[in-house]
Amino acid sequence: MCGRYASSRRPEDLVEEFDIADVRIPAPLEADYNVAPTKEVYAVVERPPSKESEEPPARQLRVLTWGLVPSWAKDPSIGNRMINARMETVAEKPAYKRAFAARRCLLPADGYFEWYPTEELTPAGKPRKQPFFIRPKDHGVLAMAGLYEIWRDPTKADDAEDRFRWTCTVITTDAEDDLGHIHDRMPLMVERDRWSDWLDPRRPKDGLLDLLVPAAPGALEAYPVSPLVSNVRNNGPELLEPLPLEGS
């Protein structure tokens, strides 16, 4: 799964990186080195001007809440359990299939965290888990494959500015061999030359899954970081610092 990641790039950097034409954010988000479910995150989407317009979809930068709430949900708290969508079932599962068909996004990240159980035991007798940070070796942006939904809050008035809730999820797959020893799942990446095809809401569903691939073997690096990241209240660039090697 992907349950934590880091996202520190500024909106202007993302606009240039993803060739964004339309910025739809109320205010810039602070750099977040410990992104957790229910937090606000940046997402790259493509939206048509209107249903009737023949103009092509425009690429937008938006702020979404991590934890997808299906449009049919009665209770938005369901999003707390929908931070990840499995590639193997995303096209058919009721919670995700509508979004997969027409509301796909990219979730920019510096990298993501996973926890590896060690042989050391906690006072409770359970294996102590060591967090690792996983990022591109070239330190470039990680474009994670995602879906988004727009949920209408029935308790809000028709003219309320916050009557729609925009939420998202990260699509995951089996981890590639270099990382599988840390965790058996990893976020799916969308390679740069496939961004347009993945984001285009007009594209037929056939072949969409072929656009998604695990990171190329050797493209990512993983290193142990401080257990401070395990507490979501901790947030700062120090969370991404490699732990010093023993004896150094």
C-alpha atoms as a PDB file:
ATOM      1  CA  MET A   1       0.000   0.000   0.000  1.00  0.00           C
ATOM      2  CA  CYS A   2       0.931   3.650  -0.023  1.00  0.00           C
ATOM      3  CA  GLY A   3      -0.035   5.263   3.278  1.00  0.00           C
ATOM      4  CA  ARG A   4       2.426   8.150   3.563  1.00  0.00           C
ATOM      5  CA  TYR A   5       4.368  10.234   1.101  1.00  0.00           C
ATOM      6  CA  ALA A   6       6.252  13.513   0.797  1.00  0.00           C
ATOM      7  CA  SER A   7       5.241  16.448  -1.405  1.00  0.00           C
ATOM      8  CA  SER A   8       7.338  19.589  -1.132  1.00  0.00           C
ATOM      9  CA  ARG A   9       7.264  21.113  -4.614  1.00  0.00           C
ATOM     10  CA  ARG A  10       5.760  24.567  -5.065  1.00  0.00           C
ATOM     11  CA  PRO A  11       2.750  25.141  -7.343  1.00  0.00           C
ATOM     12  CA  GLU A  12       4.859  27.080  -9.840  1.00  0.00           C
ATOM     13  CA  ASP A  13       7.261  24.136 -10.065  1.00  0.00           C
ATOM     14  CA  LEU A  14       4.382  21.734 -10.731  1.00  0.00           C
ATOM     15  CA  VAL A  15       2.902  24.071 -13.352  1.00  0.00           C
ATOM     16  CA  GLU A  16       6.161  23.902 -15.283  1.00  0.00           C
ATOM     17  CA  GLU A  17       6.782  20.192 -14.667  1.00  0.00           C
ATOM     18  CA  PHE A  18       3.331  19.058 -15.787  1.00  0.00           C
ATOM     19  CA  ASP A  19       2.633  21.764 -18.392  1.00  0.00           C
ATOM     20  CA  ILE A  20      -0.459  22.959 -16.515  1.00  0.00           C
ATOM     21  CA  ALA A  21      -2.707  25.516 -18.192  1.00  0.00           C
ATOM     22  CA  ASP A  22      -5.184  26.240 -15.384  1.00  0.00           C
ATOM     23  CA  VAL A  23      -4.341  26.584 -11.676  1.00  0.00           C
ATOM     24  CA  ARG A  24      -7.395  25.939  -9.494  1.00  0.00           C
ATOM     25  CA  ILE A  25      -6.067  26.148  -5.950  1.00  0.00           C
ATOM     26  CA  PRO A  26      -7.476  28.477  -3.271  1.00  0.00           C
ATOM     27  CA  ALA A  27      -4.017  28.946  -1.743  1.00  0.00           C
ATOM     28  CA  PRO A  28      -0.642  27.198  -2.022  1.00  0.00           C
ATOM     29  CA  LEU A  29      -0.157  24.201   0.254  1.00  0.00           C
ATOM     30  CA  GLU A  30       2.764  24.152   2.644  1.00  0.00           C
ATOM     31  CA  ALA A  31       5.550  21.715   1.830  1.00  0.00           C
ATOM     32  CA  ASP A  32       4.480  18.432   3.434  1.00  0.00           C
ATOM     33  CA  TYR A  33       7.076  15.802   4.302  1.00  0.00           C
ATOM     34  CA  ASN A  34       4.573  13.503   5.981  1.00  0.00           C
ATOM     35  CA  VAL A  35       1.446  13.409   3.814  1.00  0.00           C
ATOM     36  CA  ALA A  36      -1.149  11.182   5.471  1.00  0.00           C
ATOM     37  CA  PRO A  37      -4.710  10.138   4.593  1.00  0.00           C
ATOM     38  CA  THR A  38      -7.362  12.901   4.849  1.00  0.00           C
ATOM     39  CA  LYS A  39      -4.755  15.599   4.181  1.00  0.00           C
ATOM     40  CA  GLU A  40      -5.018  17.993   1.245  1.00  0.00           C
ATOM     41  CA  VAL A  41      -2.696  17.201  -1.663  1.00  0.00           C
ATOM     42  CA  TYR A  42      -1.885  18.512  -5.115  1.00  0.00           C
ATOM     43  CA  ALA A  43      -3.354  16.657  -8.090  1.00  0.00           C
ATOM     44  CA  VAL A  44      -3.013  17.121 -11.839  1.00  0.00           C
ATOM     45  CA  VAL A  45      -6.291  16.538 -13.713  1.00  0.00           C
ATOM     46  CA  GLU A  46      -7.791  17.291 -17.109  1.00  0.00           C
ATOM     47  CA  ARG A  47     -11.288  18.770 -17.208  1.00  0.00           C
ATOM     48  CA  PRO A  48     -13.454  19.678 -20.229  1.00  0.00           C
ATOM     49  CA  PRO A  49     -14.727  23.292 -20.266  1.00  0.00           C
ATOM     50  CA  SER A  50     -18.316  21.959 -20.209  1.00  0.00           C
ATOM     51  CA  LYS A  51     -20.352  18.996 -21.372  1.00  0.00           C
ATOM     52  CA  GLU A  52     -21.476  20.872 -24.464  1.00  0.00           C
ATOM     53  CA  SER A  53     -18.111  22.373 -25.411  1.00  0.00           C
ATOM     54  CA  GLU A  54     -16.016  20.951 -28.217  1.00  0.00           C
ATOM     55  CA  GLU A  55     -12.868  22.434 -26.711  1.00  0.00           C
ATOM     56  CA  PRO A  56     -10.300  19.865 -25.518  1.00  0.00           C
ATOM     57  CA  PRO A  57      -9.910  19.240 -21.776  1.00  0.00           C
ATOM     58  CA  ALA A  58      -7.616  21.656 -19.961  1.00  0.00           C
ATOM     59  CA  ARG A  59      -4.866  20.416 -17.681  1.00  0.00           C
ATOM     60  CA  GLN A  60      -5.425  21.760 -14.190  1.00  0.00           C
ATOM     61  CA  LEU A  61      -3.653  21.811 -10.853  1.00  0.00           C
ATOM     62  CA  ARG A  62      -6.104  21.251  -8.019  1.00  0.00           C
ATOM     63  CA  VAL A  63      -6.104  20.562  -4.296  1.00  0.00           C
ATOM     64  CA  LEU A  64      -7.853  17.317  -3.344  1.00  0.00           C
ATOM     65  CA  THR A  65      -8.352  15.403  -0.116  1.00  0.00           C
ATOM     66  CA  TRP A  66      -6.548  12.059   0.063  1.00  0.00           C
ATOM     67  CA  GLY A  67      -9.155   9.322   0.585  1.00  0.00           C
ATOM     68  CA  LEU A  68     -11.643   8.816  -2.234  1.00  0.00           C
ATOM     69  CA  VAL A  69     -15.353   9.314  -1.550  1.00  0.00           C
ATOM     70  CA  PRO A  70     -17.471   7.720  -4.324  1.00  0.00           C
ATOM     71  CA  SER A  71     -20.141   9.967  -5.787  1.00  0.00           C
ATOM     72  CA  TRP A  72     -22.831   7.571  -4.506  1.00  0.00           C
ATOM     73  CA  ALA A  73     -21.553   7.433  -0.914  1.00  0.00           C
ATOM     74  CA  LYS A  74     -23.956   8.440   1.834  1.00  0.00           C
ATOM     75  CA  ASP A  75     -21.227   9.008   4.408  1.00  0.00           C
ATOM     76  CA  PRO A  76     -17.990  10.776   3.369  1.00  0.00           C
ATOM     77  CA  SER A  77     -16.056   9.002   6.134  1.00  0.00           C
ATOM     78  CA  ILE A  78     -15.810   6.048   3.738  1.00  0.00           C
ATOM     79  CA  GLY A  79     -12.903   7.937   2.191  1.00  0.00           C
ATOM     80  CA  ASN A  80     -10.726   7.165   5.222  1.00  0.00           C
ATOM     81  CA  ARG A  81     -10.563   3.549   4.001  1.00  0.00           C
ATOM     82  CA  MET A  82     -10.064   4.351   0.320  1.00  0.00           C
ATOM     83  CA  ILE A  83      -6.583   5.799   0.132  1.00  0.00           C
ATOM     84  CA  ASN A  84      -5.384   3.059  -2.246  1.00  0.00           C
ATOM     85  CA  ALA A  85      -6.992   1.297  -5.217  1.00  0.00           C
ATOM     86  CA  ARG A  86      -5.508  -1.999  -6.375  1.00  0.00           C
ATOM     87  CA  MET A  87      -4.587  -2.104 -10.064  1.00  0.00           C
ATOM     88  CA  GLU A  88      -5.911  -5.657 -10.268  1.00  0.00           C
ATOM     89  CA  THR A  89      -9.497  -4.604  -9.463  1.00  0.00           C
ATOM     90  CA  VAL A  90      -9.661  -0.848 -10.080  1.00  0.00           C
ATOM     91  CA  ALA A  91     -11.556  -1.134 -13.374  1.00  0.00           C
ATOM     92  CA  GLU A  92     -14.362  -3.268 -11.903  1.00  0.00           C
ATOM     93  CA  LYS A  93     -14.683  -2.397  -8.210  1.00  0.00           C
ATOM     94  CA  PRO A  94     -17.838  -0.274  -7.652  1.00  0.00           C
ATOM     95  CA  ALA A  95     -15.999   2.331  -5.569  1.00  0.00           C
ATOM     96  CA  TYR A  96     -13.500   3.053  -8.324  1.00  0.00           C
ATOM     97  CA  LYS A  97     -14.789   2.015 -11.747  1.00  0.00           C
ATOM     98  CA  ARG A  98     -16.590   5.289 -12.555  1.00  0.00           C
ATOM     99  CA  ALA A  99     -13.543   7.336 -11.622  1.00  0.00           C
ATOM    100  CA  PHE A 100     -11.281   4.979 -13.545  1.00  0.00           C
ATOM    101  CA  ALA A 101     -13.394   5.508 -16.660  1.00  0.00           C
ATOM    102  CA  ALA A 102     -13.317   9.321 -16.646  1.00  0.00           C
ATOM    103  CA  ARG A 103     -11.590  10.883 -13.612  1.00  0.00           C
ATOM    104  CA  ARG A 104      -7.938   9.908 -13.585  1.00  0.00           C
ATOM    105  CA  CYS A 105      -5.199  12.069 -12.109  1.00  0.00           C
ATOM    106  CA  LEU A 106      -1.523  12.326 -11.321  1.00  0.00           C
ATOM    107  CA  LEU A 107      -0.415  12.834  -7.727  1.00  0.00           C
ATOM    108  CA  PRO A 108       3.028  14.487  -7.614  1.00  0.00           C
ATOM    109  CA  ALA A 109       5.356  13.252  -4.875  1.00  0.00           C
ATOM    110  CA  ASP A 110       8.986  13.509  -3.837  1.00  0.00           C
ATOM    111  CA  GLY A 111       8.755   9.871  -2.756  1.00  0.00           C
ATOM    112  CA  TYR A 112       6.816   7.636  -0.397  1.00  0.00           C
ATOM    113  CA  PHE A 113       7.332   5.784   2.886  1.00  0.00           C
ATOM    114  CA  GLU A 114       7.036   2.094   3.734  1.00  0.00           C
ATOM    115  CA  TRP A 115       7.692   0.225   6.960  1.00  0.00           C
ATOM    116  CA  TYR A 116       9.803  -2.947   7.153  1.00  0.00           C
ATOM    117  CA  PRO A 117       9.375  -5.290  10.148  1.00  0.00           C
ATOM    118  CA  THR A 118      12.735  -5.975  11.810  1.00  0.00           C
ATOM    119  CA  GLU A 119      13.822  -8.780  14.139  1.00  0.00           C
ATOM    120  CA  GLU A 120      13.870  -6.363  17.075  1.00  0.00           C
ATOM    121  CA  LEU A 121      10.774  -6.549  19.284  1.00  0.00           C
ATOM    122  CA  THR A 122       8.799  -3.702  20.815  1.00  0.00           C
ATOM    123  CA  PRO A 123       7.858  -3.758  24.529  1.00  0.00           C
ATOM    124  CA  ALA A 124       4.532  -5.244  23.387  1.00  0.00           C
ATOM    125  CA  GLY A 125       6.378  -8.160  21.792  1.00  0.00           C
ATOM    126  CA  LYS A 126       5.714  -7.167  18.187  1.00  0.00           C
ATOM    127  CA  PRO A 127       8.410  -6.678  15.527  1.00  0.00           C
ATOM    128  CA  ARG A 128       9.701  -3.116  15.455  1.00  0.00           C
ATOM    129  CA  LYS A 129       9.067  -1.551  12.061  1.00  0.00           C
ATOM    130  CA  GLN A 130      11.772   0.506  10.374  1.00  0.00           C
ATOM    131  CA  PRO A 131      10.516   3.228   8.002  1.00  0.00           C
ATOM    132  CA  PHE A 132      12.139   3.600   4.582  1.00  0.00           C
ATOM    133  CA  PHE A 133      11.854   6.488   2.157  1.00  0.00           C
ATOM    134  CA  ILE A 134      11.587   5.464  -1.505  1.00  0.00           C
ATOM    135  CA  ARG A 135      12.264   8.039  -4.205  1.00  0.00           C
ATOM    136  CA  PRO A 136      13.574   8.383  -7.781  1.00  0.00           C
ATOM    137  CA  LYS A 137      17.344   8.031  -7.916  1.00  0.00           C
ATOM    138  CA  ASP A 138      17.516  11.212  -9.961  1.00  0.00           C
ATOM    139  CA  HIS A 139      15.443  13.042  -7.306  1.00  0.00           C
ATOM    140  CA  GLY A 140      12.878  13.937  -9.953  1.00  0.00           C
ATOM    141  CA  VAL A 141       9.140  14.131  -9.364  1.00  0.00           C
ATOM    142  CA  LEU A 142       7.235  10.898  -8.803  1.00  0.00           C
ATOM    143  CA  ALA A 143       3.992  11.008 -10.816  1.00  0.00           C
ATOM    144  CA  MET A 144       1.776   8.522  -8.988  1.00  0.00           C
ATOM    145  CA  ALA A 145      -1.276   7.194 -10.816  1.00  0.00           C
ATOM    146  CA  GLY A 146      -4.483   8.241  -9.090  1.00  0.00           C
ATOM    147  CA  LEU A 147      -8.232   8.618  -9.415  1.00  0.00           C
ATOM    148  CA  TYR A 148     -10.440  11.432  -8.200  1.00  0.00           C
ATOM    149  CA  GLU A 149     -14.117  11.839  -7.404  1.00  0.00           C
ATOM    150  CA  ILE A 150     -16.479  14.744  -6.785  1.00  0.00           C
ATOM    151  CA  TRP A 151     -18.942  14.100  -3.954  1.00  0.00           C
ATOM    152  CA  ARG A 152     -21.975  16.352  -3.469  1.00  0.00           C
ATOM    153  CA  ASP A 153     -22.621  17.079   0.195  1.00  0.00           C
ATOM    154  CA  PRO A 154     -26.415  16.798   0.648  1.00  0.00           C
ATOM    155  CA  THR A 155     -26.274  18.921   3.803  1.00  0.00           C
ATOM    156  CA  LYS A 156     -24.999  21.976   1.899  1.00  0.00           C
ATOM    157  CA  ALA A 157     -27.131  24.535   0.091  1.00  0.00           C
ATOM    158  CA  ASP A 158     -27.149  24.535  -3.712  1.00  0.00           C
ATOM    159  CA  ASP A 159     -25.202  27.793  -3.770  1.00  0.00           C
ATOM    160  CA  ALA A 160     -22.673  26.833  -1.071  1.00  0.00           C
ATOM    161  CA  GLU A 161     -19.101  27.112  -2.302  1.00  0.00           C
ATOM    162  CA  ASP A 162     -18.082  23.979  -0.384  1.00  0.00           C
ATOM    163  CA  ARG A 163     -20.981  21.774  -1.492  1.00  0.00           C
ATOM    164  CA  PHE A 164     -18.645  19.598  -3.581  1.00  0.00           C
ATOM    165  CA  ARG A 165     -15.845  17.550  -2.034  1.00  0.00           C
ATOM    166  CA  TRP A 166     -12.961  16.585  -4.324  1.00  0.00           C
ATOM    167  CA  THR A 167     -11.115  13.466  -3.167  1.00  0.00           C
ATOM    168  CA  CYS A 168      -8.496  11.080  -4.553  1.00  0.00           C
ATOM    169  CA  THR A 169      -6.835   7.696  -4.212  1.00  0.00           C
ATOM    170  CA  VAL A 170      -3.455   6.224  -5.216  1.00  0.00           C
ATOM    171  CA  ILE A 171      -3.387   3.155  -7.482  1.00  0.00           C
ATOM    172  CA  THR A 172      -1.022   0.408  -6.282  1.00  0.00           C
ATOM    173  CA  THR A 173       0.527  -2.753  -7.699  1.00  0.00           C
ATOM    174  CA  ASP A 174       2.939  -5.526  -6.698  1.00  0.00           C
ATOM    175  CA  ALA A 175       6.302  -4.086  -5.713  1.00  0.00           C
ATOM    176  CA  GLU A 176       9.185  -4.661  -8.084  1.00  0.00           C
ATOM    177  CA  ASP A 177      11.935  -6.985  -6.907  1.00  0.00           C
ATOM    178  CA  ASP A 178      14.290  -4.282  -5.645  1.00  0.00           C
ATOM    179  CA  LEU A 179      11.623  -3.011  -3.238  1.00  0.00           C
ATOM    180  CA  GLY A 180       9.530  -6.107  -2.582  1.00  0.00           C
ATOM    181  CA  HIS A 181      11.572  -7.020   0.475  1.00  0.00           C
ATOM    182  CA  ILE A 182      10.386  -3.797   2.147  1.00  0.00           C
ATOM    183  CA  HIS A 183       6.692  -4.039   1.233  1.00  0.00           C
ATOM    184  CA  ASP A 184       4.745  -6.168  -1.229  1.00  0.00           C
ATOM    185  CA  ARG A 185       2.821  -3.211  -2.739  1.00  0.00           C
ATOM    186  CA  MET A 186       3.903   0.087  -4.278  1.00  0.00           C
ATOM    187  CA  PRO A 187       2.262   3.054  -6.038  1.00  0.00           C
ATOM    188  CA  LEU A 188       1.950   2.829  -9.797  1.00  0.00           C
ATOM    189  CA  MET A 189       3.854   5.400 -11.794  1.00  0.00           C
ATOM    190  CA  VAL A 190       2.825   7.112 -15.013  1.00  0.00           C
ATOM    191  CA  GLU A 191       5.756   7.791 -17.298  1.00  0.00           C
ATOM    192  CA  ARG A 192       6.011  11.275 -18.770  1.00  0.00           C
ATOM    193  CA  ASP A 193       5.181  10.252 -22.330  1.00  0.00           C
ATOM    194  CA  ARG A 194       1.935   8.681 -21.082  1.00  0.00           C
ATOM    195  CA  TRP A 195       0.642  11.560 -18.958  1.00  0.00           C
ATOM    196  CA  SER A 196      -1.637  12.934 -21.669  1.00  0.00           C
ATOM    197  CA  ASP A 197      -3.208   9.570 -22.458  1.00  0.00           C
ATOM    198  CA  TRP A 198      -3.767   8.774 -18.783  1.00  0.00           C
ATOM    199  CA  LEU A 199      -5.337  12.128 -17.945  1.00  0.00           C
ATOM    200  CA  ASP A 200      -7.568  12.462 -21.032  1.00  0.00           C
ATOM    201  CA  PRO A 201     -11.165  11.881 -19.793  1.00  0.00           C
ATOM    202  CA  ARG A 202     -12.280  11.161 -23.369  1.00  0.00           C
ATOM    203  CA  ARG A 203     -10.018   8.151 -23.786  1.00  0.00           C
ATOM    204  CA  PRO A 204     -11.852   4.768 -23.886  1.00  0.00           C
ATOM    205  CA  LYS A 205     -11.227   2.427 -20.959  1.00  0.00           C
ATOM    206  CA  ASP A 206      -9.708  -0.222 -23.202  1.00  0.00           C
ATOM    207  CA  GLY A 207      -5.951  -0.191 -22.819  1.00  0.00           C
ATOM    208  CA  LEU A 208      -5.853   2.224 -19.883  1.00  0.00           C
ATOM    209  CA  LEU A 209      -4.205  -0.293 -17.591  1.00  0.00           C
ATOM    210  CA  ASP A 210      -1.457  -0.749 -20.154  1.00  0.00           C
ATOM    211  CA  LEU A 211      -0.425   2.853 -19.493  1.00  0.00           C
ATOM    212  CA  LEU A 212       0.449   2.027 -15.893  1.00  0.00           C
ATOM    213  CA  VAL A 213       3.747   0.427 -15.009  1.00  0.00           C
ATOM    214  CA  PRO A 214       5.793  -0.139 -11.874  1.00  0.00           C
ATOM    215  CA  ALA A 215       8.867   2.035 -11.758  1.00  0.00           C
ATOM    216  CA  ALA A 216      11.607   0.646 -13.982  1.00  0.00           C
ATOM    217  CA  PRO A 217      13.922  -1.665 -12.023  1.00  0.00           C
ATOM    218  CA  GLY A 218      16.724   0.385 -10.552  1.00  0.00           C
ATOM    219  CA  ALA A 219      14.932   3.731 -11.051  1.00  0.00           C
ATOM    220  CA  LEU A 220      14.071   4.090  -7.365  1.00  0.00           C
ATOM    221  CA  GLU A 221      16.231   4.103  -4.277  1.00  0.00           C
ATOM    222  CA  ALA A 222      15.195   3.166  -0.733  1.00  0.00           C
ATOM    223  CA  TYR A 223      16.938   4.085   2.487  1.00  0.00           C
ATOM    224  CA  PRO A 224      16.043   3.968   6.207  1.00  0.00           C
ATOM    225  CA  VAL A 225      14.823   7.153   7.865  1.00  0.00           C
ATOM    226  CA  SER A 226      13.946   8.260  11.368  1.00  0.00           C
ATOM    227  CA  PRO A 227      10.966   6.593  13.087  1.00  0.00           C
ATOM    228  CA  LEU A 228       9.716  10.132  13.735  1.00  0.00           C
ATOM    229  CA  VAL A 229       7.811   9.838  10.446  1.00  0.00           C
ATOM    230  CA  SER A 230       5.533   7.262  12.075  1.00  0.00           C
ATOM    231  CA  ASN A 231       3.830  10.121  13.942  1.00  0.00           C
ATOM    232  CA  VAL A 232       1.888  12.300  11.515  1.00  0.00           C
ATOM    233  CA  ARG A 233       2.395  15.325  13.772  1.00  0.00           C
ATOM    234  CA  ASN A 234       6.075  15.300  12.853  1.00  0.00           C
ATOM    235  CA  ASN A 235       6.694  17.167   9.624  1.00  0.00           C
ATOM    236  CA  GLY A 236       9.884  18.581   8.177  1.00  0.00           C
ATOM    237  CA  PRO A 237      12.689  17.874   5.715  1.00  0.00           C
ATOM    238  CA  GLU A 238      14.594  16.023   8.429  1.00  0.00           C
ATOM    239  CA  LEU A 239      12.143  13.135   7.966  1.00  0.00           C
ATOM    240  CA  LEU A 240      13.742  12.467   4.566  1.00  0.00           C
ATOM    241  CA  GLU A 241      17.301  12.396   5.889  1.00  0.00           C
ATOM    242  CA  PRO A 242      18.984   8.952   5.694  1.00  0.00           C
ATOM    243  CA  LEU A 243      19.821   7.381   8.999  1.00  0.00           C
ATOM    244  CA  PRO A 244      23.584   7.352   9.586  1.00  0.00           C
ATOM    245  CA  LEU A 245      25.219   3.999   8.990  1.00  0.00           C
ATOM    246  CA  GLU A 246      26.069   2.082  12.142  1.00  0.00           C
ATOM    247  CA  GLY A 247      29.556   2.862  13.301  1.00  0.00           C
ATOM    248  CA  SER A 248      29.821   6.035  11.209  1.00  0.00           C
END
